[in-house]
Amino acid sequence: MKFTETTFEALVLRGLFAACLLVSGMILTAMVTTKPAPVQLASGGPVKTLLAAAPSTCALPDIGSVVCFHAES
């Protein structure tokens, strides 16, 4: 069998395909098996205590459609 330019290209393309499959499989395996640590977004307390810590004025510019929450006095 003579080693021509077309057989070399075919071997390179097969090797590239195999490398891409290997890397994709490793990435997929890492995504599926990763177990991230849980994140606690709220402290579990009532909403009133969260609103009590809110500033009394809205920090955003008044553009008409901005909603700011304020604690009742």
PDB file of N, CA and C in Angstrom:
ATOM      1  N   MET A   1       0.850  -1.185   0.000  1.00  0.00           N
ATOM      2  CA  MET A   1       0.000   0.000   0.000  1.00  0.00           C
ATOM      3  C   MET A   1       0.887   1.238   0.000  1.00  0.00           C
ATOM      4  N   LYS A   2       0.620   2.088  -0.935  1.00  0.00           N
ATOM      5  CA  LYS A   2       1.412   3.298  -1.075  1.00  0.00           C
ATOM      6  C   LYS A   2       0.838   4.392  -0.184  1.00  0.00           C
ATOM      7  N   PHE A   3       1.715   5.063   0.560  1.00  0.00           N
ATOM      8  CA  PHE A   3       1.293   6.129   1.469  1.00  0.00           C
ATOM      9  C   PHE A   3       1.192   7.423   0.680  1.00  0.00           C
ATOM     10  N   THR A   4      -0.022   7.795   0.303  1.00  0.00           N
ATOM     11  CA  THR A   4      -0.229   8.985  -0.512  1.00  0.00           C
ATOM     12  C   THR A   4      -0.774  10.113   0.352  1.00  0.00           C
ATOM     13  N   GLU A   5      -0.950  11.235  -0.309  1.00  0.00           N
ATOM     14  CA  GLU A   5      -1.456  12.414   0.395  1.00  0.00           C
ATOM     15  C   GLU A   5      -2.885  12.195   0.893  1.00  0.00           C
ATOM     16  N   THR A   6      -3.704  11.494   0.142  1.00  0.00           N
ATOM     17  CA  THR A   6      -5.086  11.272   0.555  1.00  0.00           C
ATOM     18  C   THR A   6      -5.170  10.334   1.755  1.00  0.00           C
ATOM     19  N   THR A   7      -4.307   9.328   1.811  1.00  0.00           N
ATOM     20  CA  THR A   7      -4.334   8.437   2.980  1.00  0.00           C
ATOM     21  C   THR A   7      -3.825   9.168   4.220  1.00  0.00           C
ATOM     22  N   PHE A   8      -2.840  10.055   4.036  1.00  0.00           N
ATOM     23  CA  PHE A   8      -2.356  10.852   5.165  1.00  0.00           C
ATOM     24  C   PHE A   8      -3.467  11.750   5.699  1.00  0.00           C
ATOM     25  N   GLU A   9      -4.203  12.408   4.790  1.00  0.00           N
ATOM     26  CA  GLU A   9      -5.317  13.280   5.213  1.00  0.00           C
ATOM     27  C   GLU A   9      -6.393  12.471   5.935  1.00  0.00           C
ATOM     28  N   ALA A  10      -6.671  11.292   5.436  1.00  0.00           N
ATOM     29  CA  ALA A  10      -7.684  10.448   6.071  1.00  0.00           C
ATOM     30  C   ALA A  10      -7.249  10.046   7.478  1.00  0.00           C
ATOM     31  N   LEU A  11      -5.975   9.699   7.649  1.00  0.00           N
ATOM     32  CA  LEU A  11      -5.473   9.347   8.974  1.00  0.00           C
ATOM     33  C   LEU A  11      -5.520  10.536   9.934  1.00  0.00           C
ATOM     34  N   VAL A  12      -5.159  11.712   9.443  1.00  0.00           N
ATOM     35  CA  VAL A  12      -5.196  12.910  10.284  1.00  0.00           C
ATOM     36  C   VAL A  12      -6.634  13.221  10.692  1.00  0.00           C
ATOM     37  N   LEU A  13      -7.562  13.123   9.758  1.00  0.00           N
ATOM     38  CA  LEU A  13      -8.962  13.403  10.081  1.00  0.00           C
ATOM     39  C   LEU A  13      -9.528  12.379  11.053  1.00  0.00           C
ATOM     40  N   ARG A  14      -9.165  11.117  10.913  1.00  0.00           N
ATOM     41  CA  ARG A  14      -9.627  10.087  11.857  1.00  0.00           C
ATOM     42  C   ARG A  14      -9.044  10.336  13.243  1.00  0.00           C
ATOM     43  N   GLY A  15      -7.792  10.719  13.294  1.00  0.00           N
ATOM     44  CA  GLY A  15      -7.168  11.028  14.579  1.00  0.00           C
ATOM     45  C   GLY A  15      -7.815  12.238  15.243  1.00  0.00           C
ATOM     46  N   LEU A  16      -8.115  13.259  14.453  1.00  0.00           N
ATOM     47  CA  LEU A  16      -8.780  14.451  14.979  1.00  0.00           C
ATOM     48  C   LEU A  16     -10.174  14.121  15.484  1.00  0.00           C
ATOM     49  N   PHE A  17     -10.888  13.286  14.756  1.00  0.00           N
ATOM     50  CA  PHE A  17     -12.221  12.864  15.174  1.00  0.00           C
ATOM     51  C   PHE A  17     -12.153  12.100  16.489  1.00  0.00           C
ATOM     52  N   ALA A  18     -11.192  11.206  16.600  1.00  0.00           N
ATOM     53  CA  ALA A  18     -11.039  10.427  17.835  1.00  0.00           C
ATOM     54  C   ALA A  18     -10.678  11.334  19.010  1.00  0.00           C
ATOM     55  N   ALA A  19      -9.805  12.314  18.779  1.00  0.00           N
ATOM     56  CA  ALA A  19      -9.420  13.241  19.842  1.00  0.00           C
ATOM     57  C   ALA A  19     -10.617  14.085  20.280  1.00  0.00           C
ATOM     58  N   CYS A  20     -11.422  14.536  19.332  1.00  0.00           N
ATOM     59  CA  CYS A  20     -12.615  15.325  19.669  1.00  0.00           C
ATOM     60  C   CYS A  20     -13.622  14.499  20.457  1.00  0.00           C
ATOM     61  N   LEU A  21     -13.812  13.242  20.059  1.00  0.00           N
ATOM     62  CA  LEU A  21     -14.708  12.362  20.808  1.00  0.00           C
ATOM     63  C   LEU A  21     -14.205  12.139  22.233  1.00  0.00           C
ATOM     64  N   LEU A  22     -12.913  11.949  22.386  1.00  0.00           N
ATOM     65  CA  LEU A  22     -12.337  11.737  23.702  1.00  0.00           C
ATOM     66  C   LEU A  22     -12.520  12.957  24.600  1.00  0.00           C
ATOM     67  N   VAL A  23     -12.220  14.134  24.084  1.00  0.00           N
ATOM     68  CA  VAL A  23     -12.352  15.361  24.876  1.00  0.00           C
ATOM     69  C   VAL A  23     -13.813  15.632  25.203  1.00  0.00           C
ATOM     70  N   SER A  24     -14.709  15.451  24.252  1.00  0.00           N
ATOM     71  CA  SER A  24     -16.130  15.665  24.505  1.00  0.00           C
ATOM     72  C   SER A  24     -16.660  14.694  25.552  1.00  0.00           C
ATOM     73  N   GLY A  25     -16.222  13.450  25.483  1.00  0.00           N
ATOM     74  CA  GLY A  25     -16.631  12.467  26.478  1.00  0.00           C
ATOM     75  C   GLY A  25     -16.133  12.817  27.867  1.00  0.00           C
ATOM     76  N   MET A  26     -14.910  13.318  27.955  1.00  0.00           N
ATOM     77  CA  MET A  26     -14.373  13.709  29.255  1.00  0.00           C
ATOM     78  C   MET A  26     -15.133  14.903  29.832  1.00  0.00           C
ATOM     79  N   ILE A  27     -15.473  15.864  28.987  1.00  0.00           N
ATOM     80  CA  ILE A  27     -16.234  17.031  29.445  1.00  0.00           C
ATOM     81  C   ILE A  27     -17.620  16.609  29.896  1.00  0.00           C
ATOM     82  N   LEU A  28     -18.280  15.762  29.133  1.00  0.00           N
ATOM     83  CA  LEU A  28     -19.611  15.286  29.503  1.00  0.00           C
ATOM     84  C   LEU A  28     -19.568  14.508  30.812  1.00  0.00           C
ATOM     85  N   THR A  29     -18.580  13.672  30.983  1.00  0.00           N
ATOM     86  CA  THR A  29     -18.438  12.920  32.224  1.00  0.00           C
ATOM     87  C   THR A  29     -18.216  13.839  33.418  1.00  0.00           C
ATOM     88  N   ALA A  30     -17.411  14.878  33.235  1.00  0.00           N
ATOM     89  CA  ALA A  30     -17.166  15.825  34.319  1.00  0.00           C
ATOM     90  C   ALA A  30     -18.440  16.589  34.683  1.00  0.00           C
ATOM     91  N   MET A  31     -19.247  16.945  33.687  1.00  0.00           N
ATOM     92  CA  MET A  31     -20.489  17.676  33.965  1.00  0.00           C
ATOM     93  C   MET A  31     -21.498  16.799  34.680  1.00  0.00           C
ATOM     94  N   VAL A  32     -21.568  15.529  34.317  1.00  0.00           N
ATOM     95  CA  VAL A  32     -22.573  14.638  34.897  1.00  0.00           C
ATOM     96  C   VAL A  32     -22.183  14.219  36.314  1.00  0.00           C
ATOM     97  N   THR A  33     -20.916  13.991  36.570  1.00  0.00           N
ATOM     98  CA  THR A  33     -20.505  13.460  37.867  1.00  0.00           C
ATOM     99  C   THR A  33     -20.192  14.535  38.901  1.00  0.00           C
ATOM    100  N   THR A  34     -20.143  15.799  38.539  1.00  0.00           N
ATOM    101  CA  THR A  34     -19.830  16.855  39.492  1.00  0.00           C
ATOM    102  C   THR A  34     -21.004  17.063  40.441  1.00  0.00           C
ATOM    103  N   LYS A  35     -20.701  17.126  41.728  1.00  0.00           N
ATOM    104  CA  LYS A  35     -21.720  17.391  42.733  1.00  0.00           C
ATOM    105  C   LYS A  35     -21.358  18.698  43.435  1.00  0.00           C
ATOM    106  N   PRO A  36     -21.936  19.818  43.013  1.00  0.00           N
ATOM    107  CA  PRO A  36     -21.579  21.103  43.620  1.00  0.00           C
ATOM    108  C   PRO A  36     -22.113  21.211  45.045  1.00  0.00           C
ATOM    109  N   ALA A  37     -21.460  22.030  45.822  1.00  0.00           N
ATOM    110  CA  ALA A  37     -21.902  22.261  47.196  1.00  0.00           C
ATOM    111  C   ALA A  37     -23.190  23.076  47.184  1.00  0.00           C
ATOM    112  N   PRO A  38     -24.127  22.782  48.089  1.00  0.00           N
ATOM    113  CA  PRO A  38     -25.370  23.538  48.112  1.00  0.00           C
ATOM    114  C   PRO A  38     -25.133  24.994  48.528  1.00  0.00           C
ATOM    115  N   VAL A  39     -25.936  25.873  47.966  1.00  0.00           N
ATOM    116  CA  VAL A  39     -25.831  27.294  48.251  1.00  0.00           C
ATOM    117  C   VAL A  39     -27.073  27.719  49.020  1.00  0.00           C
ATOM    118  N   GLN A  40     -26.868  28.423  50.122  1.00  0.00           N
ATOM    119  CA  GLN A  40     -27.998  28.912  50.898  1.00  0.00           C
ATOM    120  C   GLN A  40     -28.237  30.362  50.507  1.00  0.00           C
ATOM    121  N   LEU A  41     -29.357  30.595  49.818  1.00  0.00           N
ATOM    122  CA  LEU A  41     -29.650  31.931  49.318  1.00  0.00           C
ATOM    123  C   LEU A  41     -30.395  32.784  50.335  1.00  0.00           C
ATOM    124  N   ALA A  42     -31.167  32.184  51.193  1.00  0.00           N
ATOM    125  CA  ALA A  42     -31.919  32.937  52.191  1.00  0.00           C
ATOM    126  C   ALA A  42     -31.631  32.353  53.569  1.00  0.00           C
ATOM    127  N   SER A  43     -31.741  33.198  54.565  1.00  0.00           N
ATOM    128  CA  SER A  43     -31.430  32.749  55.915  1.00  0.00           C
ATOM    129  C   SER A  43     -32.584  31.994  56.552  1.00  0.00           C
ATOM    130  N   GLY A  44     -33.727  31.967  55.925  1.00  0.00           N
ATOM    131  CA  GLY A  44     -34.865  31.250  56.482  1.00  0.00           C
ATOM    132  C   GLY A  44     -35.702  32.103  57.412  1.00  0.00           C
ATOM    133  N   GLY A  45     -35.316  33.327  57.663  1.00  0.00           N
ATOM    134  CA  GLY A  45     -36.078  34.222  58.534  1.00  0.00           C
ATOM    135  C   GLY A  45     -37.255  34.838  57.795  1.00  0.00           C
ATOM    136  N   PRO A  46     -38.112  35.528  58.516  1.00  0.00           N
ATOM    137  CA  PRO A  46     -39.252  36.170  57.857  1.00  0.00           C
ATOM    138  C   PRO A  46     -38.808  37.298  56.927  1.00  0.00           C
ATOM    139  N   VAL A  47     -39.657  37.607  55.990  1.00  0.00           N
ATOM    140  CA  VAL A  47     -39.345  38.632  54.994  1.00  0.00           C
ATOM    141  C   VAL A  47     -39.252  40.004  55.643  1.00  0.00           C
ATOM    142  N   LYS A  48     -39.991  40.225  56.708  1.00  0.00           N
ATOM    143  CA  LYS A  48     -39.984  41.532  57.363  1.00  0.00           C
ATOM    144  C   LYS A  48     -38.592  41.877  57.881  1.00  0.00           C
ATOM    145  N   THR A  49     -37.849  40.896  58.367  1.00  0.00           N
ATOM    146  CA  THR A  49     -36.490  41.186  58.844  1.00  0.00           C
ATOM    147  C   THR A  49     -35.564  41.521  57.684  1.00  0.00           C
ATOM    148  N   LEU A  50     -35.812  40.923  56.530  1.00  0.00           N
ATOM    149  CA  LEU A  50     -35.010  41.266  55.355  1.00  0.00           C
ATOM    150  C   LEU A  50     -35.312  42.677  54.884  1.00  0.00           C
ATOM    151  N   LEU A  51     -36.588  43.049  54.912  1.00  0.00           N
ATOM    152  CA  LEU A  51     -36.958  44.389  54.473  1.00  0.00           C
ATOM    153  C   LEU A  51     -36.530  45.452  55.473  1.00  0.00           C
ATOM    154  N   ALA A  52     -36.391  45.100  56.738  1.00  0.00           N
ATOM    155  CA  ALA A  52     -35.949  46.074  57.739  1.00  0.00           C
ATOM    156  C   ALA A  52     -34.512  46.502  57.469  1.00  0.00           C
ATOM    157  N   ALA A  53     -33.734  45.628  56.865  1.00  0.00           N
ATOM    158  CA  ALA A  53     -32.351  45.962  56.545  1.00  0.00           C
ATOM    159  C   ALA A  53     -32.235  46.730  55.229  1.00  0.00           C
ATOM    160  N   ALA A  54     -33.347  46.883  54.516  1.00  0.00           N
ATOM    161  CA  ALA A  54     -33.319  47.588  53.232  1.00  0.00           C
ATOM    162  C   ALA A  54     -33.177  49.088  53.469  1.00  0.00           C
ATOM    163  N   PRO A  55     -32.533  49.813  52.568  1.00  0.00           N
ATOM    164  CA  PRO A  55     -32.409  51.268  52.736  1.00  0.00           C
ATOM    165  C   PRO A  55     -33.769  51.946  52.616  1.00  0.00           C
ATOM    166  N   SER A  56     -33.887  53.126  53.203  1.00  0.00           N
ATOM    167  CA  SER A  56     -35.169  53.826  53.201  1.00  0.00           C
ATOM    168  C   SER A  56     -35.451  54.513  51.865  1.00  0.00           C
ATOM    169  N   THR A  57     -34.435  54.739  51.056  1.00  0.00           N
ATOM    170  CA  THR A  57     -34.635  55.346  49.740  1.00  0.00           C
ATOM    171  C   THR A  57     -34.137  54.388  48.671  1.00  0.00           C
ATOM    172  N   CYS A  58     -34.672  54.538  47.488  1.00  0.00           N
ATOM    173  CA  CYS A  58     -34.268  53.682  46.382  1.00  0.00           C
ATOM    174  C   CYS A  58     -32.945  54.171  45.818  1.00  0.00           C
ATOM    175  N   ALA A  59     -31.997  53.262  45.645  1.00  0.00           N
ATOM    176  CA  ALA A  59     -30.680  53.626  45.138  1.00  0.00           C
ATOM    177  C   ALA A  59     -30.657  53.733  43.618  1.00  0.00           C
ATOM    178  N   LEU A  60     -31.720  53.235  42.974  1.00  0.00           N
ATOM    179  CA  LEU A  60     -31.773  53.279  41.517  1.00  0.00           C
ATOM    180  C   LEU A  60     -32.335  54.609  41.040  1.00  0.00           C
ATOM    181  N   PRO A  61     -31.937  55.080  39.868  1.00  0.00           N
ATOM    182  CA  PRO A  61     -32.502  56.330  39.350  1.00  0.00           C
ATOM    183  C   PRO A  61     -33.984  56.160  39.029  1.00  0.00           C
ATOM    184  N   ASP A  62     -34.717  57.240  39.148  1.00  0.00           N
ATOM    185  CA  ASP A  62     -36.159  57.207  38.907  1.00  0.00           C
ATOM    186  C   ASP A  62     -36.419  57.267  37.404  1.00  0.00           C
ATOM    187  N   ILE A  63     -36.684  56.094  36.801  1.00  0.00           N
ATOM    188  CA  ILE A  63     -36.964  56.066  35.370  1.00  0.00           C
ATOM    189  C   ILE A  63     -38.407  55.664  35.093  1.00  0.00           C
ATOM    190  N   GLY A  64     -39.207  55.538  36.121  1.00  0.00           N
ATOM    191  CA  GLY A  64     -40.631  55.286  35.932  1.00  0.00           C
ATOM    192  C   GLY A  64     -41.063  53.854  36.147  1.00  0.00           C
ATOM    193  N   SER A  65     -40.277  52.878  35.712  1.00  0.00           N
ATOM    194  CA  SER A  65     -40.701  51.507  35.818  1.00  0.00           C
ATOM    195  C   SER A  65     -39.892  50.704  36.852  1.00  0.00           C
ATOM    196  N   VAL A  66     -39.131  51.413  37.701  1.00  0.00           N
ATOM    197  CA  VAL A  66     -38.314  50.766  38.716  1.00  0.00           C
ATOM    198  C   VAL A  66     -39.142  50.561  39.970  1.00  0.00           C
ATOM    199  N   VAL A  67     -39.090  49.362  40.530  1.00  0.00           N
ATOM    200  CA  VAL A  67     -39.827  49.060  41.746  1.00  0.00           C
ATOM    201  C   VAL A  67     -38.812  48.878  42.865  1.00  0.00           C
ATOM    202  N   CYS A  68     -38.953  49.681  43.933  1.00  0.00           N
ATOM    203  CA  CYS A  68     -38.104  49.541  45.109  1.00  0.00           C
ATOM    204  C   CYS A  68     -38.988  49.149  46.288  1.00  0.00           C
ATOM    205  N   PHE A  69     -38.520  48.200  47.072  1.00  0.00           N
ATOM    206  CA  PHE A  69     -39.269  47.753  48.249  1.00  0.00           C
ATOM    207  C   PHE A  69     -38.772  48.509  49.461  1.00  0.00           C
ATOM    208  N   HIS A  70     -39.702  48.945  50.299  1.00  0.00           N
ATOM    209  CA  HIS A  70     -39.369  49.671  51.525  1.00  0.00           C
ATOM    210  C   HIS A  70     -40.072  48.991  52.680  1.00  0.00           C
ATOM    211  N   ALA A  71     -39.431  48.982  53.827  1.00  0.00           N
ATOM    212  CA  ALA A  71     -40.054  48.435  55.039  1.00  0.00           C
ATOM    213  C   ALA A  71     -41.038  49.444  55.575  1.00  0.00           C
ATOM    214  N   GLU A  72     -42.125  48.939  56.137  1.00  0.00           N
ATOM    215  CA  GLU A  72     -43.100  49.833  56.745  1.00  0.00           C
ATOM    216  C   GLU A  72     -42.561  50.362  58.057  1.00  0.00           C
ATOM    217  N   SER A  73     -42.815  51.634  58.314  1.00  0.00           N
ATOM    218  CA  SER A  73     -42.321  52.252  59.548  1.00  0.00           C
ATOM    219  C   SER A  73     -43.150  51.853  60.733  1.00  0.00           C
TER     220      SER A  73
END
